[in-house]
Amino acid sequence: MPFYFLTYAPADLWWLYHVIAAIFIKFYDIIWGVKFALRNILGAETAVIPNKPDSWLYKVFDNLKSDFEKVYENKELVIFRIKP
């Protein structure tokens, strides 16, 4: 588990991921932009999202198997690795 998420303003990081992902989720034809934004704009290697399988954010990460790999899950959060 990446410890820097626990020590460096985890709420701020989550909201940043949420906002970027939400921008692209609204437009299904550019859904690939989620990986692009996280990898190239934020320089992220992982994404931490709430464990809410009914949310659009969770569905995007879970369904784009070529872009994201689930590496950790508990009842509150899920961590996805962003594939290169």
Protein backbone atom coordinates (compact mmCIF):
# COMPACT_ATOMS: atom_id res chain seq x y z
CA MET A 1 0.00 0.00 0.00
CA PRO A 2 1.45 3.40 -0.92
CA PHE A 3 2.04 5.11 2.41
CA TYR A 4 2.33 8.61 0.96
CA PHE A 5 -1.44 8.61 0.42
CA LEU A 6 -1.87 8.27 4.17
CA THR A 7 0.55 11.04 5.09
CA TYR A 8 0.12 13.60 2.32
CA ALA A 9 -3.40 15.05 2.52
CA PRO A 10 -5.34 11.96 1.40
CA ALA A 11 -8.60 13.90 1.14
CA ASP A 12 -7.01 16.40 -1.25
CA LEU A 13 -5.59 13.63 -3.44
CA TRP A 14 -8.90 11.81 -3.55
CA TRP A 15 -10.76 14.96 -4.60
CA LEU A 16 -8.19 15.71 -7.29
CA TYR A 17 -8.58 12.23 -8.77
CA HIS A 18 -12.35 12.48 -8.43
CA VAL A 19 -12.54 15.81 -10.26
CA ILE A 20 -10.28 14.74 -13.12
CA ALA A 21 -12.06 11.42 -13.54
CA ALA A 22 -15.48 13.09 -13.38
CA ILE A 23 -14.55 15.43 -16.24
CA PHE A 24 -13.89 12.52 -18.56
CA ILE A 25 -16.59 10.16 -17.28
CA LYS A 26 -19.31 12.53 -18.53
CA PHE A 27 -18.10 11.98 -22.09
CA TYR A 28 -18.02 8.27 -22.81
CA ASP A 29 -16.22 8.77 -26.12
CA ILE A 30 -13.14 10.16 -24.33
CA ILE A 31 -13.15 7.80 -21.36
CA TRP A 32 -9.52 7.01 -22.17
CA GLY A 33 -8.77 10.46 -20.79
CA VAL A 34 -8.97 9.22 -17.21
CA LYS A 35 -5.76 7.22 -17.58
CA PHE A 36 -4.13 10.03 -19.54
CA ALA A 37 -4.97 12.64 -16.91
CA LEU A 38 -3.85 10.54 -13.97
CA ARG A 39 -0.65 9.30 -15.61
CA ASN A 40 0.48 12.38 -17.56
CA ILE A 41 -1.00 15.35 -15.72
CA LEU A 42 -0.64 14.11 -12.14
CA GLY A 43 2.22 11.67 -12.70
CA ALA A 44 0.32 9.10 -10.65
CA GLU A 45 1.05 5.39 -10.61
CA THR A 46 -1.94 4.46 -8.45
CA ALA A 47 -5.45 5.74 -7.84
CA VAL A 48 -7.29 5.44 -4.54
CA ILE A 49 -11.07 5.56 -4.83
CA PRO A 50 -13.98 4.83 -2.48
CA ASN A 51 -15.23 1.25 -2.55
CA LYS A 52 -18.65 2.08 -3.99
CA PRO A 53 -19.27 -0.36 -6.86
CA ASP A 54 -22.38 1.54 -7.98
CA SER A 55 -20.50 4.80 -8.61
CA TRP A 56 -19.42 5.83 -12.11
CA LEU A 57 -15.86 6.36 -10.91
CA TYR A 58 -15.58 2.79 -9.63
CA LYS A 59 -17.18 1.37 -12.78
CA VAL A 60 -14.71 3.17 -15.04
CA PHE A 61 -11.67 1.91 -13.15
CA ASP A 62 -13.07 -1.60 -12.84
CA ASN A 63 -14.10 -1.95 -16.49
CA LEU A 64 -11.01 -0.50 -18.15
CA LYS A 65 -8.90 -3.59 -17.49
CA SER A 66 -6.35 -2.59 -20.13
CA ASP A 67 -5.64 0.67 -18.25
CA PHE A 68 -6.12 -0.19 -14.57
CA GLU A 69 -5.42 -3.16 -12.31
CA LYS A 70 -7.03 -3.56 -8.89
CA VAL A 71 -4.22 -4.14 -6.37
CA TYR A 72 -5.93 -3.61 -3.01
CA GLU A 73 -9.48 -3.52 -1.72
CA ASN A 74 -11.17 -3.26 1.65
CA LYS A 75 -14.64 -2.16 2.72
CA GLU A 76 -13.80 1.56 2.45
CA LEU A 77 -11.42 2.00 -0.48
CA VAL A 78 -9.92 0.42 -3.57
CA ILE A 79 -6.45 1.02 -4.99
CA PHE A 80 -5.93 0.65 -8.72
CA ARG A 81 -2.51 0.56 -10.39
CA ILE A 82 -2.37 2.59 -13.57
CA LYS A 83 -0.79 0.39 -16.23
CA PRO A 84 1.98 1.94 -18.36
